[in-house]
Amino acid sequence: MAKGRKKQKRPLSAAAAAQRPKTAKRKPRKDKPTSPRTVRRAAVLVAVLAPLLMVGLMVLAVDPDHSAPFTVLAVLVLIASLGGLMVVRAAGWVLWPGVLLGVLLLALPTTIVRAEVLAQRGERIEMVVTEAHSSKDRSGRVSWSCAIRRADGKPLPHPKYQGEGCTGSSSVGTTTPVLVDPDGWAPPASADLDLAFLHGGVYALGGLSLLWVLLVSAAARRSLRDSRAAAPA
């Protein structure tokens, strides 16, 4: 018998083939569409609660003592809101505009409220730089943060500062004017900070919240229209 010749399998007899169990073909699973009632409830919750919670939590995050926990909670609310948005409209273009609006709703409140607080009740004081610390980001850019104290010796709620007058180790021992919040809600800022253009941020924040509501409403209307079209006559 020649080497390398493969052994051929014997064909099954008709009786054996009949007794052999047949594997049933699985039908492709169809996802059950979301009910209109669920779409309406999710749309109301996401449209109303999401911007209120995100903006409210980021306003509370203005205080440096509580910034981290409130920021984490706000991010979790954004993730849950995007999940709810996908319940309202599981397909299409709705997710990426929701991500963009959600990120802006997280980023703007802290800066806007901090500027408003300093503009309304900020006090201009002289501060002395006591320490300077450098840090590098991923691009290699160096930034400085300084420990400060009031020149008049009064207590300072948040003795950390970044801005004009904190530019390196040579800043230690120098005196620089800064804006501080006497109640300590907003951290110190440069006295040369232009706060005028930030007043319009309140209107921008309201406009973003309105865009979020319109986005969720448009997604819900589209889903309800599709469900009515797919319903049997």
C-alpha atoms as a PDB file:
ATOM      1  CA  MET A   1       0.000   0.000   0.000  1.00  0.00           C
ATOM      2  CA  ALA A   2       1.502   3.321  -1.038  1.00  0.00           C
ATOM      3  CA  LYS A   3       2.665   5.560   1.770  1.00  0.00           C
ATOM      4  CA  GLY A   4       0.926   8.863   2.340  1.00  0.00           C
ATOM      5  CA  ARG A   5      -2.418   7.605   1.095  1.00  0.00           C
ATOM      6  CA  LYS A   6      -5.170   8.884   3.363  1.00  0.00           C
ATOM      7  CA  LYS A   7      -7.683   6.491   4.784  1.00  0.00           C
ATOM      8  CA  GLN A   8     -11.135   7.241   3.437  1.00  0.00           C
ATOM      9  CA  LYS A   9     -14.156   7.220   5.722  1.00  0.00           C
ATOM     10  CA  ARG A  10     -16.840   4.670   4.977  1.00  0.00           C
ATOM     11  CA  PRO A  11     -20.195   6.231   4.155  1.00  0.00           C
ATOM     12  CA  LEU A  12     -22.968   5.709   6.679  1.00  0.00           C
ATOM     13  CA  SER A  13     -25.689   3.269   5.808  1.00  0.00           C
ATOM     14  CA  ALA A  14     -29.210   4.536   5.228  1.00  0.00           C
ATOM     15  CA  ALA A  15     -30.415   3.119   8.564  1.00  0.00           C
ATOM     16  CA  ALA A  16     -27.564   4.680  10.510  1.00  0.00           C
ATOM     17  CA  ALA A  17     -28.079   7.978   8.789  1.00  0.00           C
ATOM     18  CA  ALA A  18     -31.779   7.913   9.687  1.00  0.00           C
ATOM     19  CA  GLN A  19     -30.992   7.204  13.353  1.00  0.00           C
ATOM     20  CA  ARG A  20     -28.442  10.005  13.567  1.00  0.00           C
ATOM     21  CA  PRO A  21     -29.930  12.985  15.464  1.00  0.00           C
ATOM     22  CA  LYS A  22     -30.433  16.081  13.395  1.00  0.00           C
ATOM     23  CA  THR A  23     -29.312  19.406  14.800  1.00  0.00           C
ATOM     24  CA  ALA A  24     -32.052  21.972  14.657  1.00  0.00           C
ATOM     25  CA  LYS A  25     -31.180  25.227  12.991  1.00  0.00           C
ATOM     26  CA  ARG A  26     -31.348  28.131  15.363  1.00  0.00           C
ATOM     27  CA  LYS A  27     -33.405  31.041  14.243  1.00  0.00           C
ATOM     28  CA  PRO A  28     -31.746  34.440  14.538  1.00  0.00           C
ATOM     29  CA  ARG A  29     -32.807  36.152  17.724  1.00  0.00           C
ATOM     30  CA  LYS A  30     -34.667  39.374  17.239  1.00  0.00           C
ATOM     31  CA  ASP A  31     -34.271  42.082  19.824  1.00  0.00           C
ATOM     32  CA  LYS A  32     -37.538  43.047  21.397  1.00  0.00           C
ATOM     33  CA  PRO A  33     -38.293  46.710  20.651  1.00  0.00           C
ATOM     34  CA  THR A  34     -38.591  49.086  23.579  1.00  0.00           C
ATOM     35  CA  SER A  35     -42.190  49.779  24.486  1.00  0.00           C
ATOM     36  CA  PRO A  36     -43.510  53.332  23.949  1.00  0.00           C
ATOM     37  CA  ARG A  37     -44.261  53.615  27.665  1.00  0.00           C
ATOM     38  CA  THR A  38     -40.630  52.853  28.546  1.00  0.00           C
ATOM     39  CA  VAL A  39     -39.400  55.335  25.942  1.00  0.00           C
ATOM     40  CA  ARG A  40     -41.579  58.113  27.381  1.00  0.00           C
ATOM     41  CA  ARG A  41     -40.526  57.453  30.978  1.00  0.00           C
ATOM     42  CA  ALA A  42     -36.832  57.273  30.089  1.00  0.00           C
ATOM     43  CA  ALA A  43     -37.088  60.447  28.004  1.00  0.00           C
ATOM     44  CA  VAL A  44     -38.647  62.438  30.857  1.00  0.00           C
ATOM     45  CA  LEU A  45     -36.078  61.255  33.390  1.00  0.00           C
ATOM     46  CA  VAL A  46     -33.076  61.791  31.116  1.00  0.00           C
ATOM     47  CA  ALA A  47     -34.232  65.147  29.765  1.00  0.00           C
ATOM     48  CA  VAL A  48     -35.069  66.699  33.146  1.00  0.00           C
ATOM     49  CA  LEU A  49     -32.920  65.036  35.794  1.00  0.00           C
ATOM     50  CA  ALA A  50     -29.652  64.643  33.870  1.00  0.00           C
ATOM     51  CA  PRO A  51     -28.813  68.357  33.339  1.00  0.00           C
ATOM     52  CA  LEU A  52     -30.081  69.300  36.800  1.00  0.00           C
ATOM     53  CA  LEU A  53     -27.948  66.689  38.544  1.00  0.00           C
ATOM     54  CA  MET A  54     -24.829  67.231  36.430  1.00  0.00           C
ATOM     55  CA  VAL A  55     -24.872  71.012  36.769  1.00  0.00           C
ATOM     56  CA  GLY A  56     -25.803  70.878  40.458  1.00  0.00           C
ATOM     57  CA  LEU A  57     -23.028  68.433  41.321  1.00  0.00           C
ATOM     58  CA  MET A  58     -20.421  70.430  39.395  1.00  0.00           C
ATOM     59  CA  VAL A  59     -21.543  73.613  41.156  1.00  0.00           C
ATOM     60  CA  LEU A  60     -20.894  71.881  44.471  1.00  0.00           C
ATOM     61  CA  ALA A  61     -17.521  70.755  43.100  1.00  0.00           C
ATOM     62  CA  VAL A  62     -16.382  74.398  43.008  1.00  0.00           C
ATOM     63  CA  ASP A  63     -15.274  73.997  46.625  1.00  0.00           C
ATOM     64  CA  PRO A  64     -11.800  72.367  46.466  1.00  0.00           C
ATOM     65  CA  ASP A  65     -12.499  70.461  49.687  1.00  0.00           C
ATOM     66  CA  HIS A  66     -15.319  68.531  47.996  1.00  0.00           C
ATOM     67  CA  SER A  67     -14.296  68.699  44.357  1.00  0.00           C
ATOM     68  CA  ALA A  68     -13.285  65.057  43.869  1.00  0.00           C
ATOM     69  CA  PRO A  69     -16.394  63.236  45.204  1.00  0.00           C
ATOM     70  CA  PHE A  70     -18.869  65.566  43.505  1.00  0.00           C
ATOM     71  CA  THR A  71     -16.983  65.348  40.205  1.00  0.00           C
ATOM     72  CA  VAL A  72     -17.030  61.539  40.355  1.00  0.00           C
ATOM     73  CA  LEU A  73     -20.768  61.579  41.066  1.00  0.00           C
ATOM     74  CA  ALA A  74     -21.358  63.939  38.150  1.00  0.00           C
ATOM     75  CA  VAL A  75     -19.424  61.647  35.790  1.00  0.00           C
ATOM     76  CA  LEU A  76     -21.501  58.679  36.974  1.00  0.00           C
ATOM     77  CA  VAL A  77     -24.670  60.664  36.298  1.00  0.00           C
ATOM     78  CA  LEU A  78     -23.411  61.388  32.771  1.00  0.00           C
ATOM     79  CA  ILE A  79     -22.727  57.691  32.137  1.00  0.00           C
ATOM     80  CA  ALA A  80     -26.182  56.744  33.436  1.00  0.00           C
ATOM     81  CA  SER A  81     -27.756  59.499  31.337  1.00  0.00           C
ATOM     82  CA  LEU A  82     -26.085  58.248  28.178  1.00  0.00           C
ATOM     83  CA  GLY A  83     -27.374  54.772  28.986  1.00  0.00           C
ATOM     84  CA  GLY A  84     -30.864  56.208  29.382  1.00  0.00           C
ATOM     85  CA  LEU A  85     -30.437  58.073  26.106  1.00  0.00           C
ATOM     86  CA  MET A  86     -29.716  54.779  24.360  1.00  0.00           C
ATOM     87  CA  VAL A  87     -32.914  53.372  25.856  1.00  0.00           C
ATOM     88  CA  VAL A  88     -34.809  56.295  24.352  1.00  0.00           C
ATOM     89  CA  ARG A  89     -33.111  55.838  20.982  1.00  0.00           C
ATOM     90  CA  ALA A  90     -30.949  52.731  20.611  1.00  0.00           C
ATOM     91  CA  ALA A  91     -29.789  53.440  17.053  1.00  0.00           C
ATOM     92  CA  GLY A  92     -28.823  56.432  14.985  1.00  0.00           C
ATOM     93  CA  TRP A  93     -27.023  59.664  15.586  1.00  0.00           C
ATOM     94  CA  VAL A  94     -28.152  60.483  19.106  1.00  0.00           C
ATOM     95  CA  LEU A  95     -25.239  59.148  21.183  1.00  0.00           C
ATOM     96  CA  TRP A  96     -22.351  61.366  20.047  1.00  0.00           C
ATOM     97  CA  PRO A  97     -24.222  64.679  20.385  1.00  0.00           C
ATOM     98  CA  GLY A  98     -25.260  63.475  23.834  1.00  0.00           C
ATOM     99  CA  VAL A  99     -21.621  62.804  24.762  1.00  0.00           C
ATOM    100  CA  LEU A 100     -20.578  66.273  23.570  1.00  0.00           C
ATOM    101  CA  LEU A 101     -23.356  68.078  25.430  1.00  0.00           C
ATOM    102  CA  GLY A 102     -22.757  65.993  28.557  1.00  0.00           C
ATOM    103  CA  VAL A 103     -19.045  66.813  28.626  1.00  0.00           C
ATOM    104  CA  LEU A 104     -19.785  70.530  28.247  1.00  0.00           C
ATOM    105  CA  LEU A 105     -22.358  70.348  31.038  1.00  0.00           C
ATOM    106  CA  LEU A 106     -19.641  68.882  33.257  1.00  0.00           C
ATOM    107  CA  ALA A 107     -16.865  71.255  32.220  1.00  0.00           C
ATOM    108  CA  LEU A 108     -18.536  74.674  32.292  1.00  0.00           C
ATOM    109  CA  PRO A 109     -20.344  74.975  35.659  1.00  0.00           C
ATOM    110  CA  THR A 110     -17.227  74.910  37.841  1.00  0.00           C
ATOM    111  CA  THR A 111     -15.471  77.667  35.883  1.00  0.00           C
ATOM    112  CA  ILE A 112     -18.604  79.791  35.530  1.00  0.00           C
ATOM    113  CA  VAL A 113     -19.684  79.588  39.175  1.00  0.00           C
ATOM    114  CA  ARG A 114     -16.149  80.182  40.429  1.00  0.00           C
ATOM    115  CA  ALA A 115     -15.928  83.335  38.312  1.00  0.00           C
ATOM    116  CA  GLU A 116     -19.358  84.507  39.475  1.00  0.00           C
ATOM    117  CA  VAL A 117     -18.471  83.989  43.133  1.00  0.00           C
ATOM    118  CA  LEU A 118     -15.234  85.940  42.820  1.00  0.00           C
ATOM    119  CA  ALA A 119     -16.918  88.665  40.777  1.00  0.00           C
ATOM    120  CA  GLN A 120     -19.691  89.144  43.358  1.00  0.00           C
ATOM    121  CA  ARG A 121     -17.853  88.808  46.666  1.00  0.00           C
ATOM    122  CA  GLY A 122     -14.163  88.382  45.887  1.00  0.00           C
ATOM    123  CA  GLU A 123     -11.666  90.385  47.943  1.00  0.00           C
ATOM    124  CA  ARG A 124      -8.336  91.611  46.635  1.00  0.00           C
ATOM    125  CA  ILE A 125      -5.569  90.768  49.110  1.00  0.00           C
ATOM    126  CA  GLU A 126      -1.795  90.518  49.168  1.00  0.00           C
ATOM    127  CA  MET A 127      -0.505  86.960  49.452  1.00  0.00           C
ATOM    128  CA  VAL A 128       2.987  85.631  50.066  1.00  0.00           C
ATOM    129  CA  VAL A 129       4.220  82.558  48.214  1.00  0.00           C
ATOM    130  CA  THR A 130       5.649  80.070  50.710  1.00  0.00           C
ATOM    131  CA  GLU A 131       6.232  77.022  48.468  1.00  0.00           C
ATOM    132  CA  ALA A 132       6.286  76.236  44.749  1.00  0.00           C
ATOM    133  CA  HIS A 133       5.762  72.821  43.181  1.00  0.00           C
ATOM    134  CA  SER A 134       6.107  71.831  39.520  1.00  0.00           C
ATOM    135  CA  SER A 135       4.350  69.097  37.563  1.00  0.00           C
ATOM    136  CA  LYS A 136       4.474  67.842  33.981  1.00  0.00           C
ATOM    137  CA  ASP A 137       1.619  66.699  31.793  1.00  0.00           C
ATOM    138  CA  ARG A 138       1.867  64.040  29.085  1.00  0.00           C
ATOM    139  CA  SER A 139       3.076  66.550  26.521  1.00  0.00           C
ATOM    140  CA  GLY A 140       5.952  67.580  28.804  1.00  0.00           C
ATOM    141  CA  ARG A 141       4.502  70.984  29.625  1.00  0.00           C
ATOM    142  CA  VAL A 142       5.488  72.205  33.101  1.00  0.00           C
ATOM    143  CA  SER A 143       2.914  73.849  35.369  1.00  0.00           C
ATOM    144  CA  TRP A 144       3.408  75.349  38.816  1.00  0.00           C
ATOM    145  CA  SER A 145       1.263  75.409  41.938  1.00  0.00           C
ATOM    146  CA  CYS A 146       2.097  77.425  45.025  1.00  0.00           C
ATOM    147  CA  ALA A 147       1.323  77.332  48.708  1.00  0.00           C
ATOM    148  CA  ILE A 148       0.384  80.817  49.923  1.00  0.00           C
ATOM    149  CA  ARG A 149      -0.479  82.769  53.056  1.00  0.00           C
ATOM    150  CA  ARG A 150      -2.049  86.146  53.597  1.00  0.00           C
ATOM    151  CA  ALA A 151       0.415  88.959  54.107  1.00  0.00           C
ATOM    152  CA  ASP A 152      -1.734  90.346  56.930  1.00  0.00           C
ATOM    153  CA  GLY A 153      -1.577  87.037  58.805  1.00  0.00           C
ATOM    154  CA  LYS A 154      -5.315  86.256  58.647  1.00  0.00           C
ATOM    155  CA  PRO A 155      -6.349  82.632  57.972  1.00  0.00           C
ATOM    156  CA  LEU A 156      -6.870  81.625  54.347  1.00  0.00           C
ATOM    157  CA  PRO A 157      -9.436  78.876  53.611  1.00  0.00           C
ATOM    158  CA  HIS A 158      -7.578  77.406  50.622  1.00  0.00           C
ATOM    159  CA  PRO A 159      -3.856  78.200  50.772  1.00  0.00           C
ATOM    160  CA  LYS A 160      -3.116  76.870  47.289  1.00  0.00           C
ATOM    161  CA  TYR A 161      -2.821  78.960  44.162  1.00  0.00           C
ATOM    162  CA  GLN A 162      -2.111  78.722  40.438  1.00  0.00           C
ATOM    163  CA  GLY A 163      -1.763  81.769  38.249  1.00  0.00           C
ATOM    164  CA  GLU A 164       0.053  85.064  37.968  1.00  0.00           C
ATOM    165  CA  GLY A 165       2.844  85.267  40.548  1.00  0.00           C
ATOM    166  CA  CYS A 166       3.310  81.498  40.727  1.00  0.00           C
ATOM    167  CA  THR A 167       5.723  80.839  37.882  1.00  0.00           C
ATOM    168  CA  GLY A 168       8.595  78.910  39.447  1.00  0.00           C
ATOM    169  CA  SER A 169      10.796  78.386  42.463  1.00  0.00           C
ATOM    170  CA  SER A 170      11.882  82.031  42.228  1.00  0.00           C
ATOM    171  CA  SER A 171       8.332  83.025  43.230  1.00  0.00           C
ATOM    172  CA  VAL A 172       8.873  81.792  46.806  1.00  0.00           C
ATOM    173  CA  GLY A 173       8.947  84.768  49.169  1.00  0.00           C
ATOM    174  CA  THR A 174       7.352  87.194  46.707  1.00  0.00           C
ATOM    175  CA  THR A 175       4.125  89.094  47.357  1.00  0.00           C
ATOM    176  CA  THR A 176       1.346  89.107  44.751  1.00  0.00           C
ATOM    177  CA  PRO A 177      -2.254  90.401  44.769  1.00  0.00           C
ATOM    178  CA  VAL A 178      -4.973  87.731  44.401  1.00  0.00           C
ATOM    179  CA  LEU A 179      -8.763  87.466  44.589  1.00  0.00           C
ATOM    180  CA  VAL A 180     -10.124  85.319  47.424  1.00  0.00           C
ATOM    181  CA  ASP A 181     -13.589  84.284  48.570  1.00  0.00           C
ATOM    182  CA  PRO A 182     -13.913  85.080  52.300  1.00  0.00           C
ATOM    183  CA  ASP A 183     -16.218  82.074  52.793  1.00  0.00           C
ATOM    184  CA  GLY A 184     -13.778  79.750  51.061  1.00  0.00           C
ATOM    185  CA  TRP A 185     -16.194  78.348  48.476  1.00  0.00           C
ATOM    186  CA  ALA A 186     -14.075  79.397  45.495  1.00  0.00           C
ATOM    187  CA  PRO A 187     -10.288  78.956  45.501  1.00  0.00           C
ATOM    188  CA  PRO A 188      -7.965  81.988  45.118  1.00  0.00           C
ATOM    189  CA  ALA A 189      -7.514  83.377  41.597  1.00  0.00           C
ATOM    190  CA  SER A 190      -5.282  85.916  39.951  1.00  0.00           C
ATOM    191  CA  ALA A 191      -6.250  89.524  40.588  1.00  0.00           C
ATOM    192  CA  ASP A 192      -5.781  90.192  36.861  1.00  0.00           C
ATOM    193  CA  LEU A 193      -8.361  87.555  35.870  1.00  0.00           C
ATOM    194  CA  ASP A 194     -10.880  89.025  33.432  1.00  0.00           C
ATOM    195  CA  LEU A 195     -14.251  88.038  34.874  1.00  0.00           C
ATOM    196  CA  ALA A 196     -16.432  90.148  32.572  1.00  0.00           C
ATOM    197  CA  PHE A 197     -16.620  87.678  29.679  1.00  0.00           C
ATOM    198  CA  LEU A 198     -17.474  84.818  32.035  1.00  0.00           C
ATOM    199  CA  HIS A 199     -20.792  86.394  33.036  1.00  0.00           C
ATOM    200  CA  GLY A 200     -22.273  85.192  29.749  1.00  0.00           C
ATOM    201  CA  GLY A 201     -21.403  81.626  30.748  1.00  0.00           C
ATOM    202  CA  VAL A 202     -24.619  81.392  32.767  1.00  0.00           C
ATOM    203  CA  TYR A 203     -26.633  81.896  29.571  1.00  0.00           C
ATOM    204  CA  ALA A 204     -24.402  79.428  27.729  1.00  0.00           C
ATOM    205  CA  LEU A 205     -25.056  76.855  30.438  1.00  0.00           C
ATOM    206  CA  GLY A 206     -28.795  77.393  30.123  1.00  0.00           C
ATOM    207  CA  GLY A 207     -28.539  77.026  26.359  1.00  0.00           C
ATOM    208  CA  LEU A 208     -26.666  73.729  26.677  1.00  0.00           C
ATOM    209  CA  SER A 209     -29.302  72.394  29.053  1.00  0.00           C
ATOM    210  CA  LEU A 210     -32.015  73.374  26.571  1.00  0.00           C
ATOM    211  CA  LEU A 211     -30.143  71.639  23.744  1.00  0.00           C
ATOM    212  CA  TRP A 212     -29.944  68.484  25.873  1.00  0.00           C
ATOM    213  CA  VAL A 213     -33.719  68.552  26.428  1.00  0.00           C
ATOM    214  CA  LEU A 214     -34.335  69.070  22.701  1.00  0.00           C
ATOM    215  CA  LEU A 215     -31.973  66.223  21.819  1.00  0.00           C
ATOM    216  CA  VAL A 216     -33.721  63.762  24.129  1.00  0.00           C
ATOM    217  CA  SER A 217     -37.151  64.930  22.952  1.00  0.00           C
ATOM    218  CA  ALA A 218     -36.208  64.512  19.282  1.00  0.00           C
ATOM    219  CA  ALA A 219     -34.821  61.025  19.947  1.00  0.00           C
ATOM    220  CA  ALA A 220     -37.998  60.023  21.805  1.00  0.00           C
ATOM    221  CA  ARG A 221     -40.262  61.293  19.017  1.00  0.00           C
ATOM    222  CA  ARG A 222     -38.240  59.366  16.450  1.00  0.00           C
ATOM    223  CA  SER A 223     -38.434  56.147  18.476  1.00  0.00           C
ATOM    224  CA  LEU A 224     -42.186  56.498  19.047  1.00  0.00           C
ATOM    225  CA  ARG A 225     -42.771  57.193  15.354  1.00  0.00           C
ATOM    226  CA  ASP A 226     -40.766  54.099  14.389  1.00  0.00           C
ATOM    227  CA  SER A 227     -42.675  51.949  16.886  1.00  0.00           C
ATOM    228  CA  ARG A 228     -46.015  53.120  15.480  1.00  0.00           C
ATOM    229  CA  ALA A 229     -44.854  52.396  11.933  1.00  0.00           C
ATOM    230  CA  ALA A 230     -43.689  48.896  12.903  1.00  0.00           C
ATOM    231  CA  ALA A 231     -46.910  48.034  14.769  1.00  0.00           C
ATOM    232  CA  PRO A 232     -49.232  45.648  12.900  1.00  0.00           C
ATOM    233  CA  ALA A 233     -52.344  47.215  11.417  1.00  0.00           C
END
